[in-house]
Amino acid sequence: MSITSSNSVLLIGVNGLYTTPQQLQGFGEGDAYMMDVVNTTETRLGVDGIMSAGWIPQIKILHVTLQADSASNSFFEAWYLAQESAREAYFAFGTIDQSSVGKIYTLSNGVLDGYTPIAEAKKVFEPRKFSIKFNTVLGSPV
């Protein structure tokens, strides 16, 4: 097994817009995608020092970084414009294939939460960042 991420595949579809999942490509230098840490419990510590805890549902946030010239920027632009035009949320689904570590993840019930409208102009154009909030992310062996 290898820990290389260069052979992973991220596919995202959007209900009513991209019913066939699209493979995102042209990721940022050193950054492709990442998911925020999910805090799964709420805890309380009583004045007597006894802790109580309970499970809480959590949103899973996927961050995607694309080079300014990535063709996949148009995927997010179309998703954003469709939502703006309809004034409705369009829900996404997808998969992340991390074959090198033997895992595949199924993503469901996601919404576009973060959208960078343009690439930041410096010496060269900087990568654009996007965030998708998913209801579920389920991992399984490849």
N, C-alpha and C. Protein backbone atom coordinates (compact mmCIF):
# COMPACT_ATOMS: atom_id res chain seq x y z
N MET A 1 0.84 -1.18 0.00
CA MET A 1 0.00 0.00 0.00
C MET A 1 0.89 1.24 0.00
N SER A 2 0.38 2.30 -0.59
CA SER A 2 1.07 3.58 -0.69
C SER A 2 0.17 4.66 -0.10
N ILE A 3 0.76 5.76 0.32
CA ILE A 3 -0.07 6.86 0.84
C ILE A 3 -0.18 8.01 -0.16
N THR A 4 0.16 7.76 -1.41
CA THR A 4 0.05 8.83 -2.41
C THR A 4 -1.41 9.24 -2.60
N SER A 5 -1.64 10.54 -2.73
CA SER A 5 -3.00 11.03 -2.97
C SER A 5 -3.21 11.42 -4.43
N SER A 6 -2.15 11.37 -5.23
CA SER A 6 -2.26 11.83 -6.62
C SER A 6 -3.14 10.92 -7.46
N ASN A 7 -3.40 9.69 -7.01
CA ASN A 7 -4.27 8.80 -7.79
C ASN A 7 -5.69 8.71 -7.22
N SER A 8 -6.02 9.57 -6.25
CA SER A 8 -7.39 9.55 -5.73
C SER A 8 -8.33 10.23 -6.73
N VAL A 9 -9.59 9.87 -6.67
CA VAL A 9 -10.58 10.39 -7.61
C VAL A 9 -11.76 10.95 -6.82
N LEU A 10 -12.13 12.19 -7.11
CA LEU A 10 -13.27 12.85 -6.49
C LEU A 10 -14.34 13.07 -7.55
N LEU A 11 -15.49 12.44 -7.35
CA LEU A 11 -16.63 12.57 -8.26
C LEU A 11 -17.79 13.23 -7.52
N ILE A 12 -18.36 14.28 -8.11
CA ILE A 12 -19.50 14.98 -7.51
C ILE A 12 -20.59 15.14 -8.55
N GLY A 13 -21.81 14.83 -8.16
CA GLY A 13 -22.99 15.08 -8.99
C GLY A 13 -23.92 16.02 -8.25
N VAL A 14 -24.77 16.70 -8.99
CA VAL A 14 -25.72 17.64 -8.39
C VAL A 14 -27.10 17.34 -8.96
N ASN A 15 -28.05 17.00 -8.08
CA ASN A 15 -29.40 16.68 -8.53
C ASN A 15 -30.00 17.83 -9.32
N GLY A 16 -30.56 17.52 -10.49
CA GLY A 16 -31.18 18.53 -11.33
C GLY A 16 -30.21 19.35 -12.16
N LEU A 17 -28.91 19.06 -12.04
CA LEU A 17 -27.91 19.84 -12.78
C LEU A 17 -26.86 18.92 -13.42
N TYR A 18 -26.19 18.15 -12.62
CA TYR A 18 -25.21 17.16 -13.07
C TYR A 18 -25.62 15.81 -12.51
N THR A 19 -26.56 15.15 -13.18
CA THR A 19 -27.06 13.87 -12.65
C THR A 19 -26.02 12.76 -12.78
N THR A 20 -25.07 12.91 -13.70
CA THR A 20 -23.92 12.01 -13.79
C THR A 20 -22.77 12.69 -13.06
N PRO A 21 -22.21 12.06 -12.04
CA PRO A 21 -21.13 12.69 -11.28
C PRO A 21 -19.95 13.08 -12.17
N GLN A 22 -19.41 14.25 -11.90
CA GLN A 22 -18.28 14.79 -12.65
C GLN A 22 -16.99 14.56 -11.88
N GLN A 23 -15.93 14.16 -12.59
CA GLN A 23 -14.63 13.99 -11.94
C GLN A 23 -13.95 15.34 -11.86
N LEU A 24 -13.67 15.79 -10.64
CA LEU A 24 -12.98 17.06 -10.46
C LEU A 24 -11.50 16.85 -10.70
N GLN A 25 -10.89 17.81 -11.40
CA GLN A 25 -9.48 17.74 -11.74
C GLN A 25 -8.87 19.13 -11.70
N GLY A 26 -7.54 19.18 -11.71
CA GLY A 26 -6.84 20.46 -11.69
C GLY A 26 -6.76 21.03 -10.29
N PHE A 27 -6.43 20.16 -9.34
CA PHE A 27 -6.38 20.57 -7.93
C PHE A 27 -5.21 21.52 -7.67
N GLY A 28 -5.29 22.19 -6.53
CA GLY A 28 -4.25 23.11 -6.11
C GLY A 28 -2.94 22.41 -5.83
N GLU A 29 -1.87 23.20 -5.86
CA GLU A 29 -0.53 22.67 -5.56
C GLU A 29 -0.45 22.35 -4.07
N GLY A 30 -0.29 21.09 -3.74
CA GLY A 30 -0.20 20.69 -2.35
C GLY A 30 -1.56 20.58 -1.65
N ASP A 31 -2.63 21.04 -2.29
CA ASP A 31 -3.98 20.98 -1.74
C ASP A 31 -4.92 20.46 -2.81
N ALA A 32 -5.65 19.42 -2.50
CA ALA A 32 -6.67 18.92 -3.41
C ALA A 32 -8.03 19.05 -2.73
N TYR A 33 -8.23 18.29 -1.69
CA TYR A 33 -9.47 18.36 -0.92
C TYR A 33 -9.16 17.95 0.51
N MET A 34 -10.00 18.37 1.42
CA MET A 34 -9.88 17.97 2.82
C MET A 34 -11.23 18.09 3.48
N MET A 35 -11.39 17.36 4.57
CA MET A 35 -12.64 17.39 5.31
C MET A 35 -12.35 17.86 6.73
N ASP A 36 -13.22 18.73 7.24
CA ASP A 36 -13.08 19.20 8.61
C ASP A 36 -13.24 18.06 9.61
N VAL A 37 -12.63 18.22 10.77
CA VAL A 37 -12.83 17.29 11.87
C VAL A 37 -14.30 17.35 12.29
N VAL A 38 -14.88 16.20 12.59
CA VAL A 38 -16.27 16.12 13.01
C VAL A 38 -16.31 15.81 14.50
N ASN A 39 -16.91 16.69 15.26
CA ASN A 39 -17.10 16.46 16.69
C ASN A 39 -18.41 15.72 16.88
N THR A 40 -18.32 14.50 17.39
CA THR A 40 -19.48 13.61 17.40
C THR A 40 -20.23 13.55 18.72
N THR A 41 -19.70 14.17 19.75
CA THR A 41 -20.39 14.15 21.04
C THR A 41 -20.40 15.53 21.67
N GLU A 42 -21.36 15.73 22.52
CA GLU A 42 -21.45 16.93 23.35
C GLU A 42 -21.20 16.45 24.78
N THR A 43 -20.33 17.14 25.48
CA THR A 43 -20.00 16.72 26.85
C THR A 43 -20.29 17.83 27.85
N ARG A 44 -20.58 17.40 29.05
CA ARG A 44 -20.81 18.31 30.18
C ARG A 44 -20.08 17.74 31.38
N LEU A 45 -19.48 18.61 32.14
CA LEU A 45 -18.82 18.20 33.37
C LEU A 45 -19.53 18.87 34.52
N GLY A 46 -20.16 18.05 35.38
CA GLY A 46 -20.90 18.58 36.52
C GLY A 46 -19.96 19.17 37.57
N VAL A 47 -20.50 19.97 38.45
CA VAL A 47 -19.70 20.59 39.50
C VAL A 47 -19.09 19.54 40.43
N ASP A 48 -19.63 18.32 40.40
CA ASP A 48 -19.06 17.25 41.22
C ASP A 48 -17.98 16.46 40.47
N GLY A 49 -17.64 16.90 39.26
CA GLY A 49 -16.57 16.26 38.49
C GLY A 49 -16.99 15.06 37.67
N ILE A 50 -18.28 14.77 37.60
CA ILE A 50 -18.76 13.64 36.82
C ILE A 50 -19.17 14.13 35.43
N MET A 51 -18.61 13.44 34.42
CA MET A 51 -18.87 13.85 33.04
C MET A 51 -20.07 13.10 32.46
N SER A 52 -20.86 13.83 31.69
CA SER A 52 -21.96 13.25 30.92
C SER A 52 -21.69 13.55 29.46
N ALA A 53 -22.16 12.68 28.58
CA ALA A 53 -21.93 12.88 27.15
C ALA A 53 -23.10 12.32 26.35
N GLY A 54 -23.29 12.89 25.18
CA GLY A 54 -24.33 12.41 24.29
C GLY A 54 -23.93 12.61 22.84
N TRP A 55 -24.37 11.69 21.99
CA TRP A 55 -24.12 11.78 20.55
C TRP A 55 -24.91 12.94 19.98
N ILE A 56 -24.32 13.65 19.03
CA ILE A 56 -25.03 14.72 18.33
C ILE A 56 -24.77 14.58 16.82
N PRO A 57 -25.76 14.87 16.01
CA PRO A 57 -25.54 14.82 14.56
C PRO A 57 -24.65 15.98 14.13
N GLN A 58 -23.85 15.76 13.12
CA GLN A 58 -22.94 16.79 12.65
C GLN A 58 -22.91 16.86 11.13
N ILE A 59 -22.72 18.05 10.64
CA ILE A 59 -22.52 18.28 9.21
C ILE A 59 -21.05 18.00 8.90
N LYS A 60 -20.78 17.37 7.76
CA LYS A 60 -19.42 17.08 7.33
C LYS A 60 -19.06 18.05 6.21
N ILE A 61 -17.99 18.82 6.39
CA ILE A 61 -17.63 19.87 5.42
C ILE A 61 -16.41 19.44 4.61
N LEU A 62 -16.60 19.37 3.29
CA LEU A 62 -15.54 19.04 2.35
C LEU A 62 -15.06 20.33 1.70
N HIS A 63 -13.76 20.59 1.75
CA HIS A 63 -13.14 21.75 1.11
C HIS A 63 -12.38 21.27 -0.12
N VAL A 64 -12.61 21.93 -1.24
CA VAL A 64 -11.94 21.58 -2.49
C VAL A 64 -11.15 22.80 -2.95
N THR A 65 -9.88 22.57 -3.35
CA THR A 65 -9.02 23.63 -3.85
C THR A 65 -8.64 23.31 -5.29
N LEU A 66 -8.95 24.24 -6.20
CA LEU A 66 -8.68 24.05 -7.62
C LEU A 66 -7.77 25.16 -8.15
N GLN A 67 -6.84 24.79 -9.02
CA GLN A 67 -6.00 25.80 -9.67
C GLN A 67 -6.90 26.77 -10.45
N ALA A 68 -6.42 27.97 -10.63
CA ALA A 68 -7.21 29.00 -11.32
C ALA A 68 -7.60 28.58 -12.73
N ASP A 69 -6.77 27.75 -13.37
CA ASP A 69 -7.06 27.33 -14.75
C ASP A 69 -7.72 25.95 -14.83
N SER A 70 -8.18 25.42 -13.71
CA SER A 70 -8.83 24.11 -13.71
C SER A 70 -10.17 24.17 -14.45
N ALA A 71 -10.40 23.21 -15.32
CA ALA A 71 -11.68 23.13 -16.02
C ALA A 71 -12.82 22.84 -15.04
N SER A 72 -12.50 22.28 -13.87
CA SER A 72 -13.53 21.95 -12.87
C SER A 72 -14.09 23.18 -12.17
N ASN A 73 -13.46 24.34 -12.34
CA ASN A 73 -14.04 25.57 -11.79
C ASN A 73 -15.42 25.83 -12.40
N SER A 74 -15.59 25.47 -13.68
CA SER A 74 -16.88 25.69 -14.34
C SER A 74 -17.99 24.84 -13.72
N PHE A 75 -17.64 23.68 -13.14
CA PHE A 75 -18.61 22.85 -12.43
C PHE A 75 -19.21 23.65 -11.27
N PHE A 76 -18.35 24.25 -10.44
CA PHE A 76 -18.82 25.02 -9.30
C PHE A 76 -19.52 26.31 -9.73
N GLU A 77 -19.04 26.93 -10.81
CA GLU A 77 -19.70 28.14 -11.31
C GLU A 77 -21.13 27.83 -11.76
N ALA A 78 -21.32 26.73 -12.48
CA ALA A 78 -22.65 26.34 -12.95
C ALA A 78 -23.56 26.02 -11.78
N TRP A 79 -23.04 25.33 -10.77
CA TRP A 79 -23.82 24.99 -9.58
C TRP A 79 -24.24 26.25 -8.86
N TYR A 80 -23.31 27.15 -8.67
CA TYR A 80 -23.60 28.42 -7.98
C TYR A 80 -24.64 29.23 -8.76
N LEU A 81 -24.45 29.37 -10.06
CA LEU A 81 -25.38 30.16 -10.88
C LEU A 81 -26.78 29.55 -10.91
N ALA A 82 -26.87 28.22 -10.94
CA ALA A 82 -28.18 27.56 -10.93
C ALA A 82 -28.91 27.88 -9.63
N GLN A 83 -28.19 27.84 -8.51
CA GLN A 83 -28.80 28.16 -7.22
C GLN A 83 -29.23 29.62 -7.16
N GLU A 84 -28.38 30.50 -7.63
CA GLU A 84 -28.70 31.93 -7.62
C GLU A 84 -29.94 32.20 -8.47
N SER A 85 -30.01 31.58 -9.63
CA SER A 85 -31.13 31.78 -10.54
C SER A 85 -32.43 31.21 -9.97
N ALA A 86 -32.35 30.01 -9.42
CA ALA A 86 -33.55 29.35 -8.89
C ALA A 86 -33.89 29.81 -7.47
N ARG A 87 -32.91 30.42 -6.80
CA ARG A 87 -33.07 30.78 -5.39
C ARG A 87 -33.46 29.57 -4.56
N GLU A 88 -32.81 28.47 -4.90
CA GLU A 88 -33.02 27.17 -4.24
C GLU A 88 -31.68 26.50 -4.06
N ALA A 89 -31.58 25.64 -3.06
CA ALA A 89 -30.38 24.83 -2.88
C ALA A 89 -30.46 23.61 -3.80
N TYR A 90 -29.36 23.31 -4.45
CA TYR A 90 -29.23 22.11 -5.26
C TYR A 90 -28.37 21.13 -4.47
N PHE A 91 -28.87 19.91 -4.28
CA PHE A 91 -28.19 18.94 -3.44
C PHE A 91 -27.26 18.04 -4.24
N ALA A 92 -26.11 17.75 -3.63
CA ALA A 92 -25.06 16.98 -4.29
C ALA A 92 -24.88 15.61 -3.69
N PHE A 93 -24.20 14.76 -4.43
CA PHE A 93 -23.83 13.42 -4.01
C PHE A 93 -22.50 13.10 -4.68
N GLY A 94 -21.81 12.10 -4.19
CA GLY A 94 -20.56 11.76 -4.85
C GLY A 94 -19.79 10.66 -4.16
N THR A 95 -18.56 10.46 -4.66
CA THR A 95 -17.65 9.48 -4.09
C THR A 95 -16.23 10.03 -4.09
N ILE A 96 -15.46 9.56 -3.13
CA ILE A 96 -14.02 9.81 -3.09
C ILE A 96 -13.36 8.44 -3.08
N ASP A 97 -12.56 8.17 -4.09
CA ASP A 97 -11.85 6.90 -4.21
C ASP A 97 -10.39 7.14 -3.82
N GLN A 98 -10.00 6.57 -2.69
CA GLN A 98 -8.61 6.66 -2.23
C GLN A 98 -8.01 5.26 -2.30
N SER A 99 -7.85 4.76 -3.52
CA SER A 99 -7.41 3.39 -3.76
C SER A 99 -6.07 3.07 -3.11
N SER A 100 -5.17 4.02 -3.07
CA SER A 100 -3.84 3.74 -2.51
C SER A 100 -3.89 3.34 -1.05
N VAL A 101 -4.91 3.80 -0.31
CA VAL A 101 -5.07 3.40 1.09
C VAL A 101 -6.26 2.45 1.28
N GLY A 102 -6.82 1.98 0.15
CA GLY A 102 -7.86 0.97 0.20
C GLY A 102 -9.22 1.44 0.70
N LYS A 103 -9.57 2.70 0.45
CA LYS A 103 -10.84 3.24 0.95
C LYS A 103 -11.62 3.92 -0.17
N ILE A 104 -12.94 3.84 -0.06
CA ILE A 104 -13.83 4.61 -0.90
C ILE A 104 -14.89 5.21 0.01
N TYR A 105 -15.25 6.45 -0.24
CA TYR A 105 -16.21 7.17 0.60
C TYR A 105 -17.40 7.59 -0.25
N THR A 106 -18.60 7.39 0.30
CA THR A 106 -19.83 7.81 -0.35
C THR A 106 -20.33 9.06 0.34
N LEU A 107 -20.59 10.10 -0.45
CA LEU A 107 -21.03 11.40 0.05
C LEU A 107 -22.49 11.60 -0.36
N SER A 108 -23.33 12.07 0.57
CA SER A 108 -24.72 12.29 0.18
C SER A 108 -25.31 13.51 0.88
N ASN A 109 -26.32 14.05 0.18
CA ASN A 109 -27.09 15.18 0.71
C ASN A 109 -26.21 16.38 1.01
N GLY A 110 -25.47 16.85 0.00
CA GLY A 110 -24.56 17.98 0.18
C GLY A 110 -25.05 19.25 -0.48
N VAL A 111 -24.66 20.37 0.09
CA VAL A 111 -25.00 21.67 -0.48
C VAL A 111 -23.74 22.52 -0.62
N LEU A 112 -23.71 23.33 -1.67
CA LEU A 112 -22.60 24.25 -1.88
C LEU A 112 -22.67 25.33 -0.82
N ASP A 113 -21.66 25.39 0.00
CA ASP A 113 -21.66 26.32 1.13
C ASP A 113 -20.65 27.45 0.95
N GLY A 114 -19.49 27.14 0.39
CA GLY A 114 -18.45 28.14 0.18
C GLY A 114 -18.09 28.22 -1.29
N TYR A 115 -18.05 29.43 -1.83
CA TYR A 115 -17.81 29.63 -3.25
C TYR A 115 -16.89 30.82 -3.45
N THR A 116 -15.76 30.62 -4.09
CA THR A 116 -14.84 31.72 -4.41
C THR A 116 -15.14 32.16 -5.85
N PRO A 117 -15.73 33.34 -6.05
CA PRO A 117 -16.16 33.76 -7.38
C PRO A 117 -15.04 33.96 -8.40
N ILE A 118 -13.89 34.44 -7.94
CA ILE A 118 -12.78 34.67 -8.87
C ILE A 118 -11.47 34.23 -8.21
N ALA A 119 -10.48 33.96 -9.04
CA ALA A 119 -9.15 33.63 -8.54
C ALA A 119 -8.46 34.92 -8.11
N GLU A 120 -7.77 34.85 -6.99
CA GLU A 120 -7.02 36.00 -6.49
C GLU A 120 -5.83 36.23 -7.42
N ALA A 121 -5.65 37.50 -7.85
CA ALA A 121 -4.58 37.85 -8.78
C ALA A 121 -3.35 38.32 -8.02
N LYS A 122 -2.28 37.54 -8.09
CA LYS A 122 -0.98 37.91 -7.53
C LYS A 122 0.01 37.83 -8.69
N LYS A 123 1.24 37.33 -8.48
CA LYS A 123 2.16 37.14 -9.61
C LYS A 123 1.51 36.25 -10.66
N VAL A 124 0.86 35.21 -10.17
CA VAL A 124 0.02 34.34 -11.01
C VAL A 124 -1.31 34.21 -10.27
N PHE A 125 -2.32 33.75 -10.96
CA PHE A 125 -3.61 33.58 -10.31
C PHE A 125 -3.54 32.46 -9.27
N GLU A 126 -4.12 32.73 -8.11
CA GLU A 126 -4.12 31.79 -6.99
C GLU A 126 -5.26 30.78 -7.15
N PRO A 127 -5.16 29.62 -6.45
CA PRO A 127 -6.24 28.64 -6.51
C PRO A 127 -7.56 29.18 -5.95
N ARG A 128 -8.64 28.60 -6.41
CA ARG A 128 -9.97 28.92 -5.90
C ARG A 128 -10.40 27.84 -4.92
N LYS A 129 -11.18 28.23 -3.91
CA LYS A 129 -11.61 27.29 -2.88
C LYS A 129 -13.14 27.21 -2.84
N PHE A 130 -13.61 25.99 -2.62
CA PHE A 130 -15.04 25.72 -2.55
C PHE A 130 -15.31 24.80 -1.36
N SER A 131 -16.49 24.92 -0.75
CA SER A 131 -16.87 24.07 0.37
C SER A 131 -18.25 23.48 0.12
N ILE A 132 -18.37 22.20 0.45
CA ILE A 132 -19.65 21.50 0.34
C ILE A 132 -19.96 20.89 1.70
N LYS A 133 -21.16 21.16 2.21
CA LYS A 133 -21.60 20.56 3.46
C LYS A 133 -22.42 19.32 3.14
N PHE A 134 -21.96 18.16 3.65
CA PHE A 134 -22.64 16.89 3.43
C PHE A 134 -23.33 16.42 4.70
N ASN A 135 -24.46 15.76 4.52
CA ASN A 135 -25.18 15.14 5.63
C ASN A 135 -24.50 13.85 6.06
N THR A 136 -24.10 13.02 5.06
CA THR A 136 -23.44 11.77 5.39
C THR A 136 -22.20 11.56 4.56
N VAL A 137 -21.20 10.96 5.19
CA VAL A 137 -19.96 10.52 4.54
C VAL A 137 -19.67 9.14 5.12
N LEU A 138 -19.78 8.12 4.27
CA LEU A 138 -19.61 6.74 4.71
C LEU A 138 -18.41 6.10 4.01
N GLY A 139 -17.48 5.59 4.78
CA GLY A 139 -16.30 4.94 4.22
C GLY A 139 -16.44 3.44 4.21
N SER A 140 -15.79 2.82 3.22
CA SER A 140 -15.76 1.36 3.13
C SER A 140 -14.47 0.95 2.41
N PRO A 141 -14.06 -0.32 2.56
CA PRO A 141 -12.87 -0.78 1.86
C PRO A 141 -13.13 -0.85 0.36
N VAL A 142 -12.08 -0.64 -0.42
CA VAL A 142 -12.19 -0.72 -1.88
C VAL A 142 -12.31 -2.17 -2.28
